[in-house]
């Protein structure tokens, strides 16, 4: 039996409004000597996925420059200011995503997520025959990333505003498999303080 294929969609389009007015972009903050967005994408590229798609928007040129030379697909979301739904729709509409059995939605600002975590989620998805929703949790608390089966693509394309995939998961009627990846599932960096606390350096 063929293994279910998974495309990774990385959301890197947001305005990072909670970083303050100083113009520092959290995705360009340095972790381990490289911009966070590049570190997140390298984590994804090392996972057992068919493709990696990065949704850009805010400060797109700088994000693309930080990802120079990597084997990925960029899709631009001109409507990024309307909220996360537009970025999900942009990512899910891309050809690479539409041809996959499942889409792993990854936020670019989660420094704790490792390739091992991604592969654990992908394995759980494959073990379920590509038919279940798989989400990362920390001690039972839902976090990110999440894998959505292809059957939910249409529901994602109907999302509006600043909502993520959680509503789609709740109303899907599909089995939801939780994979505990520890604190990493809940750690995102939205403020300068959080970037520093997570070990990052602001440029």
N, C-alpha and C. Protein backbone atom coordinates (compact mmCIF):
# COMPACT_ATOMS: atom_id res chain seq x y z
N UNK A 1 0.84 -1.20 0.00
CA UNK A 1 0.00 0.00 0.00
C UNK A 1 0.88 1.26 0.00
N UNK A 2 0.51 2.20 -0.81
CA UNK A 2 1.29 3.43 -0.91
C UNK A 2 1.15 4.26 0.36
N UNK A 3 2.26 4.82 0.78
CA UNK A 3 2.22 5.71 1.94
C UNK A 3 1.51 7.00 1.56
N UNK A 4 0.69 7.49 2.46
CA UNK A 4 0.02 8.76 2.21
C UNK A 4 1.06 9.87 2.04
N UNK A 5 0.87 10.71 1.04
CA UNK A 5 1.82 11.81 0.83
C UNK A 5 1.39 13.04 1.63
N UNK A 6 2.37 13.73 2.14
CA UNK A 6 2.09 14.91 2.96
C UNK A 6 2.87 16.10 2.40
N UNK A 7 2.16 17.20 2.22
CA UNK A 7 2.80 18.47 1.87
C UNK A 7 2.82 19.33 3.13
N UNK A 8 3.90 20.05 3.34
CA UNK A 8 3.99 20.94 4.49
C UNK A 8 3.75 22.37 4.02
N UNK A 9 2.76 23.02 4.61
CA UNK A 9 2.49 24.43 4.32
C UNK A 9 2.93 25.24 5.53
N UNK A 10 3.91 26.12 5.31
CA UNK A 10 4.43 26.96 6.40
C UNK A 10 3.86 28.36 6.27
N UNK A 11 3.20 28.82 7.31
CA UNK A 11 2.58 30.14 7.29
C UNK A 11 3.59 31.18 7.76
N UNK A 12 4.03 32.04 6.82
CA UNK A 12 5.04 33.05 7.14
C UNK A 12 4.63 34.41 6.58
N UNK A 13 3.30 34.66 6.56
CA UNK A 13 2.81 35.87 5.91
C UNK A 13 2.38 36.97 6.89
N UNK A 14 2.29 36.63 8.17
CA UNK A 14 1.64 37.54 9.12
C UNK A 14 2.40 38.83 9.38
N UNK A 15 1.67 39.78 9.91
CA UNK A 15 2.24 41.11 10.15
C UNK A 15 3.13 41.17 11.39
N UNK A 16 3.05 40.15 12.25
CA UNK A 16 3.84 40.17 13.49
C UNK A 16 3.55 41.44 14.29
N UNK A 17 2.26 41.76 14.40
CA UNK A 17 1.88 43.05 14.99
C UNK A 17 2.30 43.17 16.45
N UNK A 18 2.45 42.04 17.14
CA UNK A 18 2.80 42.13 18.56
C UNK A 18 4.30 42.33 18.80
N UNK A 19 5.05 42.47 17.71
CA UNK A 19 6.47 42.74 17.87
C UNK A 19 6.73 44.23 18.13
N UNK A 20 5.66 45.05 18.12
CA UNK A 20 5.86 46.48 18.38
C UNK A 20 6.17 47.22 17.09
N UNK A 21 6.37 48.50 17.25
CA UNK A 21 6.54 49.36 16.07
C UNK A 21 7.99 49.48 15.62
N UNK A 22 8.89 48.80 16.29
CA UNK A 22 10.32 48.99 15.98
C UNK A 22 10.76 48.40 14.67
N UNK A 23 9.87 47.69 13.99
CA UNK A 23 10.24 47.16 12.69
C UNK A 23 10.98 45.84 12.74
N UNK A 24 11.14 45.26 13.93
CA UNK A 24 11.81 43.96 14.00
C UNK A 24 10.80 42.88 13.63
N UNK A 25 11.21 41.97 12.78
CA UNK A 25 10.31 40.90 12.34
C UNK A 25 10.70 39.63 13.07
N UNK A 26 9.74 39.01 13.75
CA UNK A 26 10.08 37.82 14.54
C UNK A 26 10.65 36.69 13.68
N UNK A 27 10.19 36.58 12.43
CA UNK A 27 10.66 35.48 11.60
C UNK A 27 12.09 35.70 11.12
N UNK A 28 12.58 36.95 11.27
CA UNK A 28 13.96 37.24 10.91
C UNK A 28 14.87 37.28 12.14
N UNK A 29 14.26 37.09 13.32
CA UNK A 29 15.07 36.98 14.55
C UNK A 29 15.97 35.76 14.41
N UNK A 30 17.17 35.83 14.98
CA UNK A 30 18.11 34.73 14.78
C UNK A 30 18.03 33.70 15.89
N UNK A 31 17.93 32.46 15.48
CA UNK A 31 18.02 31.31 16.38
C UNK A 31 19.12 30.43 15.83
N UNK A 32 20.04 30.02 16.69
CA UNK A 32 21.17 29.20 16.24
C UNK A 32 21.89 29.84 15.06
N UNK A 33 21.96 31.20 15.06
CA UNK A 33 22.73 31.90 14.04
C UNK A 33 22.05 32.03 12.69
N UNK A 34 20.76 31.70 12.62
CA UNK A 34 20.07 31.90 11.34
C UNK A 34 18.66 32.43 11.60
N UNK A 35 18.06 33.09 10.61
CA UNK A 35 16.71 33.62 10.81
C UNK A 35 15.74 32.49 11.17
N UNK A 36 14.83 32.77 12.09
CA UNK A 36 13.87 31.76 12.55
C UNK A 36 13.13 31.13 11.38
N UNK A 37 12.74 31.92 10.39
CA UNK A 37 11.96 31.35 9.29
C UNK A 37 12.79 30.32 8.52
N UNK A 38 14.09 30.59 8.35
CA UNK A 38 14.95 29.62 7.64
C UNK A 38 15.11 28.35 8.48
N UNK A 39 15.26 28.53 9.78
CA UNK A 39 15.40 27.38 10.67
C UNK A 39 14.14 26.51 10.61
N UNK A 40 12.97 27.16 10.61
CA UNK A 40 11.71 26.42 10.54
C UNK A 40 11.59 25.66 9.23
N UNK A 41 11.99 26.31 8.14
CA UNK A 41 11.88 25.68 6.82
C UNK A 41 12.87 24.52 6.70
N UNK A 42 14.07 24.67 7.22
CA UNK A 42 15.04 23.56 7.19
C UNK A 42 14.51 22.36 7.98
N UNK A 43 13.84 22.64 9.10
CA UNK A 43 13.22 21.58 9.90
C UNK A 43 12.19 20.82 9.04
N UNK A 44 11.42 21.58 8.29
CA UNK A 44 10.38 20.98 7.44
C UNK A 44 11.00 20.20 6.27
N UNK A 45 12.04 20.78 5.67
CA UNK A 45 12.66 20.13 4.51
C UNK A 45 13.30 18.79 4.89
N UNK A 46 13.71 18.66 6.15
CA UNK A 46 14.35 17.42 6.58
C UNK A 46 13.32 16.34 6.93
N UNK A 47 12.05 16.73 7.00
CA UNK A 47 11.00 15.77 7.35
C UNK A 47 10.62 14.92 6.13
N UNK A 48 9.88 13.85 6.39
CA UNK A 48 9.52 12.90 5.34
C UNK A 48 8.25 13.37 4.61
N UNK A 49 8.37 14.52 3.96
CA UNK A 49 7.22 15.10 3.26
C UNK A 49 7.53 15.24 1.78
N UNK A 50 6.46 15.31 0.98
CA UNK A 50 6.64 15.38 -0.47
C UNK A 50 7.08 16.76 -0.93
N UNK A 51 6.62 17.80 -0.23
CA UNK A 51 6.95 19.16 -0.65
C UNK A 51 6.79 20.12 0.52
N UNK A 52 7.44 21.26 0.39
CA UNK A 52 7.33 22.32 1.40
C UNK A 52 6.92 23.59 0.68
N UNK A 53 5.83 24.18 1.16
CA UNK A 53 5.26 25.39 0.57
C UNK A 53 5.31 26.48 1.63
N UNK A 54 5.83 27.63 1.28
CA UNK A 54 5.89 28.74 2.23
C UNK A 54 4.97 29.86 1.74
N UNK A 55 4.02 30.23 2.61
CA UNK A 55 3.10 31.32 2.28
C UNK A 55 3.70 32.63 2.80
N UNK A 56 3.95 33.56 1.87
CA UNK A 56 4.54 34.84 2.24
C UNK A 56 3.50 35.95 2.09
N UNK A 57 3.81 37.09 2.68
CA UNK A 57 2.91 38.24 2.60
C UNK A 57 3.64 39.46 3.10
N UNK A 58 3.53 39.70 4.42
CA UNK A 58 4.20 40.83 5.04
C UNK A 58 5.72 40.71 4.85
N UNK A 59 6.33 41.79 4.37
CA UNK A 59 7.79 41.82 4.15
C UNK A 59 8.28 40.61 3.38
N UNK A 60 7.54 40.33 2.33
CA UNK A 60 7.79 39.12 1.53
C UNK A 60 9.23 39.05 1.01
N UNK A 61 9.78 40.17 0.54
CA UNK A 61 11.12 40.12 -0.06
C UNK A 61 12.17 39.69 0.95
N UNK A 62 12.03 40.18 2.19
CA UNK A 62 13.00 39.80 3.21
C UNK A 62 12.87 38.34 3.60
N UNK A 63 11.62 37.86 3.67
CA UNK A 63 11.40 36.45 4.01
C UNK A 63 11.97 35.56 2.90
N UNK A 64 11.69 35.93 1.65
CA UNK A 64 12.21 35.13 0.54
C UNK A 64 13.74 35.14 0.52
N UNK A 65 14.31 36.30 0.82
CA UNK A 65 15.78 36.40 0.84
C UNK A 65 16.37 35.50 1.93
N UNK A 66 15.67 35.42 3.07
CA UNK A 66 16.15 34.58 4.18
C UNK A 66 16.08 33.10 3.83
N UNK A 67 15.30 32.76 2.80
CA UNK A 67 15.11 31.36 2.41
C UNK A 67 15.79 31.05 1.08
N UNK A 68 16.69 31.92 0.68
CA UNK A 68 17.35 31.78 -0.62
C UNK A 68 18.05 30.42 -0.73
N UNK A 69 17.89 29.80 -1.88
CA UNK A 69 18.63 28.57 -2.16
C UNK A 69 17.99 27.29 -1.65
N UNK A 70 16.83 27.38 -1.00
CA UNK A 70 16.20 26.17 -0.47
C UNK A 70 15.17 25.63 -1.47
N UNK A 71 15.00 24.30 -1.44
CA UNK A 71 14.10 23.65 -2.40
C UNK A 71 12.66 23.71 -1.89
N UNK A 72 12.00 24.82 -2.17
CA UNK A 72 10.64 24.95 -1.69
C UNK A 72 9.83 25.77 -2.69
N UNK A 73 8.53 25.84 -2.45
CA UNK A 73 7.64 26.61 -3.31
C UNK A 73 7.14 27.81 -2.53
N UNK A 74 7.28 28.99 -3.10
CA UNK A 74 6.71 30.19 -2.48
C UNK A 74 5.32 30.46 -3.05
N UNK A 75 4.37 30.78 -2.21
CA UNK A 75 3.09 31.32 -2.70
C UNK A 75 2.83 32.60 -1.92
N UNK A 76 2.52 33.64 -2.66
CA UNK A 76 2.32 34.94 -2.03
C UNK A 76 0.84 35.15 -1.71
N UNK A 77 0.58 35.65 -0.52
CA UNK A 77 -0.79 35.98 -0.11
C UNK A 77 -0.93 37.50 -0.02
N UNK A 78 -1.43 38.14 -1.08
CA UNK A 78 -1.55 39.60 -1.06
C UNK A 78 -2.57 40.08 -0.02
N UNK A 79 -3.44 39.17 0.41
CA UNK A 79 -4.53 39.52 1.33
C UNK A 79 -4.16 39.18 2.78
N UNK A 80 -2.85 39.05 3.06
CA UNK A 80 -2.42 38.55 4.38
C UNK A 80 -2.97 39.35 5.55
N UNK A 81 -3.22 40.65 5.34
CA UNK A 81 -3.66 41.49 6.46
C UNK A 81 -5.05 41.11 6.96
N UNK A 82 -5.81 40.35 6.18
CA UNK A 82 -7.16 39.97 6.59
C UNK A 82 -7.16 38.85 7.63
N UNK A 83 -6.01 38.25 7.87
CA UNK A 83 -5.95 37.21 8.90
C UNK A 83 -5.46 35.88 8.37
N UNK A 84 -5.38 34.91 9.29
CA UNK A 84 -4.75 33.62 8.98
C UNK A 84 -5.50 32.83 7.92
N UNK A 85 -6.84 32.97 7.87
CA UNK A 85 -7.61 32.16 6.92
C UNK A 85 -7.10 32.36 5.50
N UNK A 86 -6.79 33.61 5.14
CA UNK A 86 -6.35 33.88 3.77
C UNK A 86 -5.02 33.17 3.46
N UNK A 87 -4.16 33.06 4.46
CA UNK A 87 -2.88 32.37 4.24
C UNK A 87 -3.09 30.86 4.12
N UNK A 88 -4.00 30.31 4.92
CA UNK A 88 -4.32 28.89 4.78
C UNK A 88 -4.86 28.61 3.38
N UNK A 89 -5.79 29.47 2.94
CA UNK A 89 -6.40 29.28 1.62
C UNK A 89 -5.33 29.37 0.53
N UNK A 90 -4.43 30.35 0.65
CA UNK A 90 -3.35 30.50 -0.34
C UNK A 90 -2.50 29.23 -0.39
N UNK A 91 -2.13 28.72 0.78
CA UNK A 91 -1.30 27.52 0.83
C UNK A 91 -2.00 26.29 0.29
N UNK A 92 -3.27 26.11 0.70
CA UNK A 92 -4.01 24.92 0.30
C UNK A 92 -4.36 24.96 -1.19
N UNK A 93 -4.38 26.16 -1.78
CA UNK A 93 -4.72 26.29 -3.20
C UNK A 93 -3.54 25.98 -4.11
N UNK A 94 -2.35 25.90 -3.54
CA UNK A 94 -1.18 25.68 -4.38
C UNK A 94 -1.20 24.25 -4.93
N UNK A 95 -0.59 24.07 -6.07
CA UNK A 95 -0.66 22.78 -6.75
C UNK A 95 -0.06 21.66 -5.90
N UNK A 96 1.07 21.94 -5.28
CA UNK A 96 1.73 20.90 -4.47
C UNK A 96 0.83 20.44 -3.33
N UNK A 97 0.12 21.39 -2.72
CA UNK A 97 -0.75 21.03 -1.60
C UNK A 97 -1.95 20.24 -2.09
N UNK A 98 -2.52 20.69 -3.20
CA UNK A 98 -3.75 20.06 -3.68
C UNK A 98 -3.53 18.61 -4.12
N UNK A 99 -2.29 18.28 -4.48
CA UNK A 99 -2.04 16.92 -4.96
C UNK A 99 -1.63 15.97 -3.82
N UNK A 100 -1.51 16.48 -2.60
CA UNK A 100 -1.08 15.64 -1.48
C UNK A 100 -2.28 15.01 -0.76
N UNK A 101 -2.03 13.88 -0.09
CA UNK A 101 -3.09 13.22 0.68
C UNK A 101 -3.39 13.96 1.97
N UNK A 102 -2.39 14.68 2.45
CA UNK A 102 -2.59 15.45 3.68
C UNK A 102 -1.71 16.69 3.66
N UNK A 103 -2.14 17.69 4.39
CA UNK A 103 -1.36 18.92 4.47
C UNK A 103 -1.02 19.19 5.93
N UNK A 104 0.27 19.29 6.19
CA UNK A 104 0.74 19.62 7.52
C UNK A 104 0.89 21.14 7.58
N UNK A 105 0.09 21.75 8.44
CA UNK A 105 0.13 23.20 8.58
C UNK A 105 1.08 23.54 9.72
N UNK A 106 2.09 24.32 9.38
CA UNK A 106 3.14 24.64 10.34
C UNK A 106 3.26 26.16 10.44
N UNK A 107 3.37 26.66 11.64
CA UNK A 107 3.58 28.09 11.83
C UNK A 107 5.08 28.34 11.83
N UNK A 108 5.50 29.39 11.15
CA UNK A 108 6.94 29.64 11.00
C UNK A 108 7.58 30.15 12.29
N UNK A 109 6.75 30.49 13.29
CA UNK A 109 7.31 31.11 14.50
C UNK A 109 7.33 30.17 15.70
N UNK A 110 7.53 28.86 15.45
CA UNK A 110 7.56 27.90 16.56
C UNK A 110 8.93 27.25 16.66
N UNK A 111 9.85 27.88 17.41
CA UNK A 111 11.25 27.42 17.40
C UNK A 111 11.47 26.05 18.02
N UNK A 112 10.51 25.56 18.81
CA UNK A 112 10.73 24.27 19.47
C UNK A 112 10.41 23.06 18.61
N UNK A 113 9.73 23.28 17.49
CA UNK A 113 9.32 22.14 16.66
C UNK A 113 10.52 21.59 15.90
N UNK A 114 10.70 20.27 16.00
CA UNK A 114 11.85 19.62 15.36
C UNK A 114 11.38 18.70 14.23
N UNK A 115 12.32 18.28 13.43
CA UNK A 115 12.02 17.31 12.37
C UNK A 115 11.45 16.03 12.97
N UNK A 116 11.95 15.62 14.11
CA UNK A 116 11.44 14.42 14.79
C UNK A 116 9.96 14.57 15.10
N UNK A 117 9.57 15.76 15.58
CA UNK A 117 8.15 16.01 15.86
C UNK A 117 7.33 15.89 14.58
N UNK A 118 7.81 16.52 13.51
CA UNK A 118 7.07 16.49 12.24
C UNK A 118 6.91 15.05 11.75
N UNK A 119 7.98 14.28 11.83
CA UNK A 119 7.91 12.89 11.36
C UNK A 119 6.97 12.05 12.21
N UNK A 120 6.88 12.36 13.51
CA UNK A 120 5.95 11.63 14.38
C UNK A 120 4.50 11.91 13.96
N UNK A 121 4.23 13.16 13.61
CA UNK A 121 2.88 13.52 13.13
C UNK A 121 2.58 12.84 11.79
N UNK A 122 3.56 12.88 10.89
CA UNK A 122 3.38 12.28 9.56
C UNK A 122 3.16 10.78 9.68
N UNK A 123 3.93 10.13 10.56
CA UNK A 123 3.77 8.68 10.78
C UNK A 123 2.38 8.34 11.27
N UNK A 124 1.88 9.14 12.23
CA UNK A 124 0.54 8.89 12.77
C UNK A 124 -0.51 9.05 11.67
N UNK A 125 -0.31 10.04 10.80
CA UNK A 125 -1.23 10.28 9.69
C UNK A 125 -1.23 9.08 8.74
N UNK A 126 -0.04 8.58 8.44
CA UNK A 126 0.07 7.43 7.52
C UNK A 126 -0.53 6.17 8.14
N UNK A 127 -0.30 6.00 9.45
CA UNK A 127 -0.83 4.82 10.13
C UNK A 127 -2.36 4.83 10.12
N UNK A 128 -2.94 6.03 10.02
CA UNK A 128 -4.40 6.16 9.97
C UNK A 128 -4.90 6.11 8.53
N UNK A 129 -4.01 5.73 7.62
CA UNK A 129 -4.42 5.62 6.22
C UNK A 129 -4.68 6.95 5.55
N UNK A 130 -4.16 8.02 6.16
CA UNK A 130 -4.35 9.34 5.56
C UNK A 130 -5.77 9.88 5.73
N UNK A 131 -6.52 9.29 6.67
CA UNK A 131 -7.93 9.68 6.79
C UNK A 131 -8.25 10.48 8.06
N UNK A 132 -7.30 10.58 8.97
CA UNK A 132 -7.58 11.25 10.24
C UNK A 132 -6.87 12.60 10.31
N UNK A 133 -7.40 13.46 11.17
CA UNK A 133 -6.70 14.70 11.51
C UNK A 133 -5.65 14.34 12.56
N UNK A 134 -4.45 14.87 12.40
CA UNK A 134 -3.40 14.63 13.40
C UNK A 134 -2.94 15.98 13.93
N UNK A 135 -2.88 16.10 15.25
CA UNK A 135 -2.43 17.39 15.79
C UNK A 135 -1.42 17.19 16.90
N UNK A 136 -0.52 18.15 16.98
CA UNK A 136 0.45 18.14 18.07
C UNK A 136 -0.24 18.67 19.33
N UNK A 137 0.03 18.01 20.45
CA UNK A 137 -0.52 18.48 21.72
C UNK A 137 0.60 18.51 22.75
N UNK A 138 0.35 19.25 23.82
CA UNK A 138 1.24 19.23 24.97
C UNK A 138 0.38 18.93 26.19
N UNK A 139 0.59 17.75 26.76
CA UNK A 139 -0.21 17.30 27.91
C UNK A 139 -1.70 17.46 27.64
N UNK A 140 -2.10 17.05 26.46
CA UNK A 140 -3.52 17.06 26.12
C UNK A 140 -4.04 18.37 25.57
N UNK A 141 -3.23 19.42 25.65
CA UNK A 141 -3.69 20.72 25.17
C UNK A 141 -3.32 20.87 23.69
N UNK A 142 -4.33 21.11 22.81
CA UNK A 142 -4.05 21.16 21.38
C UNK A 142 -3.13 22.32 21.03
N UNK A 143 -2.19 22.04 20.14
CA UNK A 143 -1.27 23.08 19.68
C UNK A 143 -1.07 22.95 18.19
N UNK A 144 0.15 23.16 17.75
CA UNK A 144 0.52 23.06 16.34
C UNK A 144 1.83 22.29 16.24
N UNK A 145 2.13 21.72 15.08
CA UNK A 145 1.40 21.69 13.82
C UNK A 145 0.19 20.75 13.83
N UNK A 146 -0.58 20.82 12.73
CA UNK A 146 -1.74 19.96 12.52
C UNK A 146 -1.67 19.42 11.10
N UNK A 147 -2.07 18.15 10.93
CA UNK A 147 -2.18 17.60 9.57
C UNK A 147 -3.66 17.42 9.24
N UNK A 148 -4.08 17.98 8.12
CA UNK A 148 -5.46 17.85 7.67
C UNK A 148 -5.49 16.96 6.43
N UNK A 149 -6.37 15.95 6.42
CA UNK A 149 -6.50 15.12 5.23
C UNK A 149 -7.06 15.92 4.05
N UNK A 150 -6.78 15.45 2.86
CA UNK A 150 -7.21 16.15 1.64
C UNK A 150 -8.73 16.39 1.63
N UNK A 151 -9.47 15.49 2.27
CA UNK A 151 -10.94 15.62 2.26
C UNK A 151 -11.43 16.92 2.90
N UNK A 152 -10.56 17.58 3.68
CA UNK A 152 -10.97 18.82 4.35
C UNK A 152 -10.57 20.07 3.55
N UNK A 153 -9.95 19.89 2.40
CA UNK A 153 -9.47 21.06 1.65
C UNK A 153 -10.58 22.05 1.35
N UNK A 154 -11.73 21.54 0.93
CA UNK A 154 -12.83 22.46 0.58
C UNK A 154 -13.28 23.27 1.78
N UNK A 155 -13.31 22.63 2.95
CA UNK A 155 -13.71 23.34 4.17
C UNK A 155 -12.71 24.45 4.49
N UNK A 156 -11.43 24.19 4.29
CA UNK A 156 -10.41 25.21 4.54
C UNK A 156 -10.60 26.38 3.58
N UNK A 157 -10.92 26.08 2.33
CA UNK A 157 -11.06 27.13 1.32
C UNK A 157 -12.26 28.04 1.61
N UNK A 158 -13.14 27.62 2.51
CA UNK A 158 -14.30 28.45 2.87
C UNK A 158 -14.05 29.30 4.11
N UNK A 159 -12.90 29.16 4.75
CA UNK A 159 -12.61 29.94 5.97
C UNK A 159 -12.51 31.43 5.65
N UNK A 160 -12.84 32.25 6.64
CA UNK A 160 -12.73 33.70 6.48
C UNK A 160 -12.17 34.33 7.75
N UNK A 161 -11.43 35.43 7.57
CA UNK A 161 -10.97 36.21 8.72
C UNK A 161 -9.77 35.62 9.42
N UNK A 162 -9.62 35.97 10.70
CA UNK A 162 -8.43 35.54 11.43
C UNK A 162 -8.71 34.24 12.18
N UNK A 163 -9.07 33.21 11.45
CA UNK A 163 -9.30 31.91 12.07
C UNK A 163 -8.35 30.91 11.44
N UNK A 164 -7.94 29.95 12.26
CA UNK A 164 -7.07 28.90 11.76
C UNK A 164 -7.89 27.67 11.42
N UNK A 165 -7.23 26.53 11.44
CA UNK A 165 -7.89 25.29 11.02
C UNK A 165 -8.71 24.65 12.13
N UNK A 166 -8.67 25.24 13.33
CA UNK A 166 -9.32 24.58 14.47
C UNK A 166 -10.81 24.35 14.22
N UNK A 167 -11.49 25.35 13.63
CA UNK A 167 -12.93 25.20 13.37
C UNK A 167 -13.19 24.05 12.41
N UNK A 168 -12.33 23.93 11.42
CA UNK A 168 -12.48 22.85 10.43
C UNK A 168 -12.33 21.51 11.13
N UNK A 169 -11.35 21.40 12.03
CA UNK A 169 -11.12 20.15 12.75
C UNK A 169 -12.33 19.80 13.60
N UNK A 170 -12.87 20.80 14.30
CA UNK A 170 -13.98 20.54 15.21
C UNK A 170 -15.23 20.05 14.49
N UNK A 171 -15.44 20.53 13.27
CA UNK A 171 -16.68 20.19 12.56
C UNK A 171 -16.48 19.11 11.51
N UNK A 172 -15.28 18.56 11.43
CA UNK A 172 -14.97 17.63 10.32
C UNK A 172 -15.65 16.28 10.47
N UNK A 173 -15.93 15.89 11.72
CA UNK A 173 -16.46 14.54 11.93
C UNK A 173 -15.41 13.45 11.79
N UNK A 174 -14.16 13.85 11.52
CA UNK A 174 -13.10 12.85 11.35
C UNK A 174 -12.46 12.53 12.70
N UNK A 175 -11.81 11.37 12.76
CA UNK A 175 -11.04 11.04 13.96
C UNK A 175 -9.90 12.04 14.09
N UNK A 176 -9.61 12.44 15.34
CA UNK A 176 -8.50 13.35 15.60
C UNK A 176 -7.48 12.61 16.46
N UNK A 177 -6.29 12.47 15.94
CA UNK A 177 -5.23 11.77 16.67
C UNK A 177 -4.29 12.80 17.27
N UNK A 178 -4.08 12.72 18.57
CA UNK A 178 -3.18 13.65 19.25
C UNK A 178 -1.80 13.02 19.41
N UNK A 179 -0.78 13.78 19.05
CA UNK A 179 0.61 13.33 19.23
C UNK A 179 1.28 14.32 20.18
N UNK A 180 1.70 13.82 21.33
CA UNK A 180 2.29 14.73 22.32
C UNK A 180 3.74 15.02 21.96
N UNK A 181 4.03 16.29 21.66
CA UNK A 181 5.40 16.67 21.34
C UNK A 181 5.98 17.57 22.44
N UNK A 182 5.29 17.60 23.58
CA UNK A 182 5.79 18.39 24.70
C UNK A 182 5.52 19.88 24.50
N UNK A 183 6.29 20.69 25.22
CA UNK A 183 6.06 22.14 25.23
C UNK A 183 6.14 22.77 23.85
N UNK A 184 6.86 22.14 22.93
CA UNK A 184 7.07 22.72 21.60
C UNK A 184 5.75 22.99 20.89
N UNK A 185 4.72 22.21 21.21
CA UNK A 185 3.42 22.35 20.52
C UNK A 185 2.77 23.69 20.81
N UNK A 186 3.13 24.29 21.94
CA UNK A 186 2.47 25.53 22.36
C UNK A 186 3.39 26.75 22.32
N UNK A 187 4.67 26.52 22.01
CA UNK A 187 5.63 27.63 22.06
C UNK A 187 5.71 28.36 20.73
N UNK A 188 5.11 29.53 20.69
CA UNK A 188 5.37 30.39 19.54
C UNK A 188 5.91 31.71 20.06
N UNK A 189 6.51 32.47 19.19
CA UNK A 189 7.15 33.72 19.63
C UNK A 189 6.46 34.89 18.95
N UNK A 190 5.64 35.59 19.71
CA UNK A 190 4.86 36.69 19.15
C UNK A 190 5.35 38.06 19.60
N UNK A 191 6.15 38.10 20.63
CA UNK A 191 6.62 39.39 21.15
C UNK A 191 8.14 39.35 21.26
N UNK A 192 8.80 40.52 21.33
CA UNK A 192 10.26 40.52 21.50
C UNK A 192 10.69 39.73 22.73
N UNK A 193 9.90 39.84 23.81
CA UNK A 193 10.24 39.12 25.04
C UNK A 193 10.23 37.61 24.82
N UNK A 194 9.23 37.15 24.04
CA UNK A 194 9.14 35.71 23.80
C UNK A 194 10.28 35.23 22.91
N UNK A 195 10.68 36.05 21.95
CA UNK A 195 11.81 35.69 21.10
C UNK A 195 13.06 35.48 21.96
N UNK A 196 13.30 36.44 22.84
CA UNK A 196 14.50 36.37 23.68
C UNK A 196 14.41 35.21 24.66
N UNK A 197 13.23 35.01 25.23
CA UNK A 197 13.05 33.93 26.21
C UNK A 197 13.27 32.56 25.57
N UNK A 198 12.96 32.45 24.27
CA UNK A 198 13.10 31.17 23.58
C UNK A 198 14.52 30.96 23.05
N UNK A 199 15.39 31.95 23.31
CA UNK A 199 16.79 31.79 22.90
C UNK A 199 17.14 32.49 21.60
N UNK A 200 16.26 33.38 21.15
CA UNK A 200 16.52 34.07 19.89
C UNK A 200 17.21 35.41 20.11
N UNK A 201 17.73 35.96 19.02
CA UNK A 201 18.37 37.29 19.06
C UNK A 201 17.68 38.18 18.05
N UNK A 202 17.27 39.35 18.50
CA UNK A 202 16.58 40.29 17.60
C UNK A 202 17.60 41.07 16.79
N UNK A 203 17.30 41.18 15.50
CA UNK A 203 18.21 41.95 14.63
C UNK A 203 17.66 43.34 14.43
